[in-house]
Protein backbone atom coordinates (compact mmCIF):
# COMPACT_ATOMS: atom_id res chain seq x y z
CA UNK A 1 14.58 40.01 57.69
CA UNK A 2 12.34 41.45 55.54
CA UNK A 3 13.58 43.32 52.50
CA UNK A 4 14.58 46.74 52.17
CA UNK A 5 11.68 49.14 50.12
CA UNK A 6 12.26 49.28 46.62
CA UNK A 7 12.97 53.23 47.34
CA UNK A 8 15.82 52.24 49.57
CA UNK A 9 17.14 49.62 48.20
CA UNK A 10 19.01 51.24 45.19
CA UNK A 11 20.37 54.02 47.31
CA UNK A 12 21.66 52.26 49.89
CA UNK A 13 23.28 49.89 46.90
CA UNK A 14 25.01 52.99 45.65
CA UNK A 15 25.90 53.99 48.65
CA UNK A 16 28.00 51.15 49.74
CA UNK A 17 29.69 51.20 45.70
CA UNK A 18 30.95 54.52 46.72
CA UNK A 19 32.69 53.38 49.87
CA UNK A 20 35.47 51.56 47.83
CA UNK A 21 36.69 54.01 44.97
CA UNK A 22 36.58 56.19 47.63
CA UNK A 23 38.96 54.59 49.85
CA UNK A 24 40.60 53.71 46.88
CA UNK A 25 41.18 56.79 45.61
CA UNK A 26 42.02 58.13 49.10
CA UNK A 27 44.64 55.40 49.61
CA UNK A 28 46.79 56.68 46.12
CA UNK A 29 46.57 59.87 47.10
CA UNK A 30 47.95 59.25 50.74
CA UNK A 31 50.65 57.02 49.06
CA UNK A 32 52.28 60.41 46.92
CA UNK A 33 53.15 61.98 50.54
CA UNK A 34 56.67 61.04 51.05
CA UNK A 35 56.53 58.30 53.98
CA UNK A 36 58.90 60.33 56.57
CA UNK A 37 56.73 63.56 56.43
CA UNK A 38 54.59 61.70 58.75
CA UNK A 39 52.75 63.88 62.04
CA UNK A 40 54.28 62.75 64.77
CA UNK A 41 57.78 63.73 63.54
CA UNK A 42 57.75 66.73 66.10
CA UNK A 43 59.62 68.18 69.13
CA UNK A 44 58.21 66.56 71.87
CA UNK A 45 58.31 63.64 75.22
CA UNK A 46 60.14 61.38 73.98
CA UNK A 47 63.70 58.97 74.11
CA UNK A 48 64.65 59.31 70.48
CA UNK A 49 66.55 61.75 69.22
CA UNK A 50 65.12 63.77 66.63
CA UNK A 51 67.37 67.27 65.92
CA UNK A 52 68.89 70.03 66.94
CA UNK A 53 68.32 73.18 66.48
CA UNK A 54 69.56 77.19 67.51
CA UNK A 55 68.61 78.02 70.82
CA UNK A 56 65.61 80.15 70.97
CA UNK A 57 64.19 83.53 73.29
CA UNK A 58 62.59 81.56 76.34
CA UNK A 59 64.66 78.71 76.05
CA UNK A 60 66.22 77.83 79.59
CA UNK A 61 69.88 76.81 80.11
CA UNK A 62 69.40 73.66 80.78
CA UNK A 63 67.85 72.78 77.70
CA UNK A 64 70.99 73.74 75.73
CA UNK A 65 73.51 70.62 74.82
CA UNK A 66 76.70 72.15 75.24
CA UNK A 67 78.66 69.06 73.84
CA UNK A 68 77.19 70.01 70.22
CA UNK A 69 77.30 74.23 71.21
CA UNK A 70 81.07 73.81 71.97
CA UNK A 71 81.67 72.45 67.94
CA UNK A 72 79.91 75.69 66.54
CA UNK A 73 80.02 79.25 67.67
CA UNK A 74 76.17 78.83 68.09
CA UNK A 75 74.26 77.57 70.70
CA UNK A 76 72.10 74.42 70.22
CA UNK A 77 68.98 72.26 71.36
CA UNK A 78 68.31 68.74 71.60
CA UNK A 79 65.28 67.80 70.46
CA UNK A 80 63.28 64.22 71.10
CA UNK A 81 60.80 62.81 69.04
CA UNK A 82 56.85 63.14 70.15
CA UNK A 83 56.06 59.15 71.37
CA UNK A 84 52.67 59.85 71.98
CA UNK A 85 49.68 59.22 69.79
CA UNK A 86 47.64 62.23 68.94
CA UNK A 87 43.96 62.24 68.68
CA UNK A 88 43.19 64.37 65.34
CA UNK A 89 39.34 64.85 65.19
CA UNK A 90 37.70 65.76 61.90
CA UNK A 91 34.46 67.77 60.49
CA UNK A 92 33.52 67.68 57.04
CA UNK A 93 31.00 70.16 55.79
CA UNK A 94 27.73 67.73 54.65
CA UNK A 95 25.41 70.44 53.30
CA UNK A 96 23.99 70.99 50.26
CA UNK A 97 26.74 73.67 49.35
CA UNK A 98 29.30 71.86 49.24
CA UNK A 99 27.66 69.72 46.09
CA UNK A 100 28.28 72.33 43.45
CA UNK A 101 30.70 72.06 40.36
CA UNK A 102 31.32 74.82 38.10
CA UNK A 103 31.77 71.94 35.48
CA UNK A 104 31.41 68.55 34.65
CA UNK A 105 35.11 68.00 34.55
CA UNK A 106 36.09 69.50 37.90
CA UNK A 107 34.98 67.36 40.95
CA UNK A 108 32.27 68.86 43.43
CA UNK A 109 33.46 70.96 46.67
CA UNK A 110 32.34 67.78 48.33
CA UNK A 111 33.88 65.07 47.00
CA UNK A 112 37.33 66.43 47.34
CA UNK A 113 36.93 67.51 51.14
CA UNK A 114 35.65 63.69 51.62
CA UNK A 115 39.13 62.81 49.55
CA UNK A 116 41.30 65.23 51.24
CA UNK A 117 39.69 63.98 54.76
CA UNK A 118 40.33 60.27 54.84
CA UNK A 119 44.15 60.60 53.11
CA UNK A 120 44.40 62.58 56.04
CA UNK A 121 43.15 60.23 57.84
CA UNK A 122 44.48 57.69 56.42
CA UNK A 123 48.22 59.05 56.58
CA UNK A 124 47.52 60.15 59.92
CA UNK A 125 46.38 56.37 61.15
CA UNK A 126 49.60 54.76 59.29
CA UNK A 127 51.89 57.33 61.50
CA UNK A 128 50.06 56.54 64.75
CA UNK A 129 47.82 58.88 65.56
CA UNK A 130 44.22 58.37 66.92
CA UNK A 131 41.24 59.69 64.33
CA UNK A 132 37.79 60.24 64.65
CA UNK A 133 35.14 62.73 63.53
CA UNK A 134 33.24 65.45 65.89
CA UNK A 135 30.15 64.79 67.03
CA UNK A 136 30.76 62.11 69.30
CA UNK A 137 29.26 59.31 67.05
CA UNK A 138 33.22 58.45 65.93
CA UNK A 139 35.56 58.78 68.53
CA UNK A 140 39.29 58.52 67.79
CA UNK A 141 40.68 55.50 66.99
CA UNK A 142 43.10 53.57 65.31
CA UNK A 143 43.41 50.75 62.35
CA UNK A 144 41.48 49.38 59.62
CA UNK A 145 37.96 49.14 60.90
CA UNK A 146 38.05 52.95 62.12
CA UNK A 147 39.10 54.12 58.63
CA UNK A 148 36.45 51.69 57.24
CA UNK A 149 33.68 53.32 59.55
CA UNK A 150 35.38 57.22 58.79
CA UNK A 151 34.61 56.52 55.05
CA UNK A 152 31.30 55.61 55.29
CA UNK A 153 30.18 58.22 58.10
CA UNK A 154 32.39 60.92 54.98
CA UNK A 155 29.77 60.19 52.70
CA UNK A 156 26.60 61.55 54.51
CA UNK A 157 25.14 64.19 53.57
CA UNK A 158 22.60 67.27 54.26
CA UNK A 159 19.65 68.81 53.01
CA UNK A 160 20.91 71.94 54.71
CA UNK A 161 21.75 74.83 52.51
CA UNK A 162 25.18 75.48 55.00
CA UNK A 163 26.35 73.66 57.71
CA UNK A 164 28.38 74.57 61.21
CA UNK A 165 30.90 72.90 62.71
CA UNK A 166 29.58 70.10 65.20
CA UNK A 167 32.68 70.73 67.87
CA UNK A 168 31.12 67.55 70.49
CA UNK A 169 33.44 64.95 70.98
CA UNK A 170 36.49 67.11 70.82
CA UNK A 171 39.98 65.34 72.42
CA UNK A 172 41.78 67.99 75.03
CA UNK A 173 44.61 69.04 73.90
CA UNK A 174 44.12 67.24 70.50
CA UNK A 175 44.36 68.63 67.06
CA UNK A 176 41.19 69.37 64.75
CA UNK A 177 40.62 69.28 61.25
CA UNK A 178 37.29 71.65 59.35
CA UNK A 179 36.98 71.36 55.68
CA UNK A 180 34.06 73.50 54.04
CA UNK A 181 33.36 76.05 51.52
CA UNK A 182 33.25 78.59 55.03
CA UNK A 183 29.86 80.11 52.43
CA UNK A 184 27.91 80.39 55.49
CA UNK A 185 27.01 82.31 58.78
CA UNK A 186 30.71 83.09 59.90
CA UNK A 187 29.33 83.65 63.35
CA UNK A 188 29.19 79.43 64.38
CA UNK A 189 32.98 78.98 62.89
CA UNK A 190 33.73 81.68 65.30
CA UNK A 191 32.09 80.19 68.38
CA UNK A 192 33.53 76.69 67.39
CA UNK A 193 37.20 77.86 67.25
CA UNK A 194 36.71 79.70 70.60
CA UNK A 195 35.06 76.56 71.83
CA UNK A 196 38.00 74.19 70.97
CA UNK A 197 41.10 76.74 71.78
CA UNK A 198 39.10 76.38 75.55
CA UNK A 199 40.20 72.87 75.78
CA UNK A 200 43.19 73.38 74.07
CA UNK A 201 42.52 72.21 70.53
CA UNK A 202 44.29 73.48 67.61
CA UNK A 203 44.05 72.37 64.22
CA UNK A 204 43.52 73.85 60.17
CA UNK A 205 40.86 75.26 59.15
CA UNK A 206 40.55 73.89 54.68
CA UNK A 207 38.32 76.23 52.58
CA UNK A 208 37.55 74.04 49.53
CA UNK A 209 36.31 76.40 46.44
CA UNK A 210 35.27 75.98 43.21
CA UNK A 211 37.33 78.34 40.54
CA UNK A 212 34.43 80.26 39.37
CA UNK A 213 33.66 80.77 43.34
CA UNK A 214 36.89 82.58 42.86
CA UNK A 215 36.97 84.52 39.45
CA UNK A 216 32.71 84.88 39.34
CA UNK A 217 32.80 84.53 35.40
CA UNK A 218 29.50 85.65 34.74
CA UNK A 219 28.43 87.77 32.60
CA UNK A 220 24.71 89.10 31.50
CA UNK A 221 21.43 87.78 32.24
CA UNK A 222 22.43 84.71 34.91
CA UNK A 223 20.12 82.97 37.60
CA UNK A 224 22.08 82.07 40.62
CA UNK A 225 20.14 79.47 42.47
CA UNK A 226 21.52 77.62 45.59
CA UNK A 227 22.60 73.62 45.61
CA UNK A 228 19.43 73.26 47.53
CA UNK A 229 17.09 75.36 45.62
CA UNK A 230 15.97 77.35 48.94
CA UNK A 231 17.43 80.40 47.37
CA UNK A 232 17.36 81.83 44.09
CA UNK A 233 18.27 85.33 42.52
CA UNK A 234 17.68 86.74 38.90
CA UNK A 235 19.79 89.25 37.43
CA UNK A 236 20.26 90.96 34.02
CA UNK A 237 23.94 92.68 34.42
CA UNK A 238 25.47 89.48 36.27
CA UNK A 239 28.94 91.64 35.72
CA UNK A 240 27.50 94.44 37.63
CA UNK A 241 27.52 91.77 41.58
CA UNK A 242 31.56 91.04 40.48
CA UNK A 243 33.31 93.31 41.81
CA UNK A 244 31.64 93.02 45.47
CA UNK A 245 31.05 89.46 45.15
CA UNK A 246 34.58 89.65 45.07
CA UNK A 247 35.11 91.95 47.96
CA UNK A 248 32.57 90.15 50.01
CA UNK A 249 34.62 87.27 49.44
CA UNK A 250 38.17 88.71 49.98
CA UNK A 251 36.62 89.82 53.64
CA UNK A 252 35.04 85.96 54.68
CA UNK A 253 39.14 84.54 53.64
CA UNK A 254 40.18 87.39 55.64
CA UNK A 255 38.28 86.81 58.52
CA UNK A 256 38.92 83.24 58.56
CA UNK A 257 42.63 83.65 58.65
CA UNK A 258 42.37 86.51 61.36
CA UNK A 259 40.32 83.39 63.31
CA UNK A 260 42.46 81.20 62.62
CA UNK A 261 45.47 82.80 64.12
CA UNK A 262 43.96 84.33 67.24
CA UNK A 263 42.85 80.64 67.89
CA UNK A 264 46.27 79.10 67.36
CA UNK A 265 44.63 77.64 64.12
CA UNK A 266 45.51 77.38 60.55
CA UNK A 267 43.89 78.54 57.58
CA UNK A 268 44.19 77.45 54.12
CA UNK A 269 41.95 77.60 50.55
CA UNK A 270 42.48 75.05 48.09
CA UNK A 271 40.44 74.95 45.18
CA UNK A 272 38.76 71.88 43.16
CA UNK A 273 40.82 72.52 39.91
CA UNK A 274 44.23 72.14 41.63
CA UNK A 275 46.15 69.29 42.79
CA UNK A 276 45.01 67.32 45.69
CA UNK A 277 47.94 65.92 46.28
CA UNK A 278 49.80 69.46 46.75
CA UNK A 279 46.46 69.98 49.08
CA UNK A 280 47.08 66.83 51.16
CA UNK A 281 50.86 67.60 51.82
CA UNK A 282 50.17 71.31 53.17
CA UNK A 283 47.46 69.11 55.23
CA UNK A 284 50.09 66.97 56.89
CA UNK A 285 52.27 69.13 57.78
CA UNK A 286 50.03 71.86 58.79
CA UNK A 287 48.69 69.52 61.26
CA UNK A 288 52.20 68.01 62.21
CA UNK A 289 53.53 71.40 62.99
CA UNK A 290 50.35 71.86 65.54
CA UNK A 291 48.00 73.22 63.53
CA UNK A 292 50.22 76.04 62.37
CA UNK A 293 51.44 76.74 59.31
């Protein structure tokens, strides 16, 4: 086999060197989540008893456990634990906008997004779920080999300023996780969630933002340039832009939350200066509950 071209070998070696650290970090993060909170611990079709819950509107009388109900003034339904492995598909935004970090002490958005996506994949895999990537290149599977393929695939980057969710390969009635800053055109996100809902797929939108993108701390003369270099704007009074920017950001977050609610999904926002552990625990619970907070 001919040796790799000189310009490609250093890049290939650098990419390969990133695999073990990312996987090790994700594994450490995953181990911080309580083992008993895995994604299959939910009501469903199975044989093992899970819990009793009070009767709710819509429950039929045949669902009531009369022996348990006789011990109190309330009526209870006996729930069994979900026994069927689910398929959870991941999409992590590879676009240039995700490579932003406002401070050298902070991870960029892409690094935090990959870390959380791989950590949730590890947790789901250990809980018996199948995990894959949208787009069709990595169908949902279990096992160490699948996790290794996920790790490698998550390191891919795009030259695009903003990316649109690729919803190919969704498993009907499965689950999905989309991780992005969602700062681009919202129309593709709307189309993606509508297509997912049509296939009975529910899931989570995790919006990852840098703290500077929330606070807009800029003053005086400032040059704003996109990470890909295609967009550039210079102003002498950056502070004057702050109210309008914050208004548009709030509107975008509200639009995502409303879109998620309308399609049976959940929207959450995570900042790169806050705990990855708390974000992972929230993600885990949200996916375990079927995409509803």
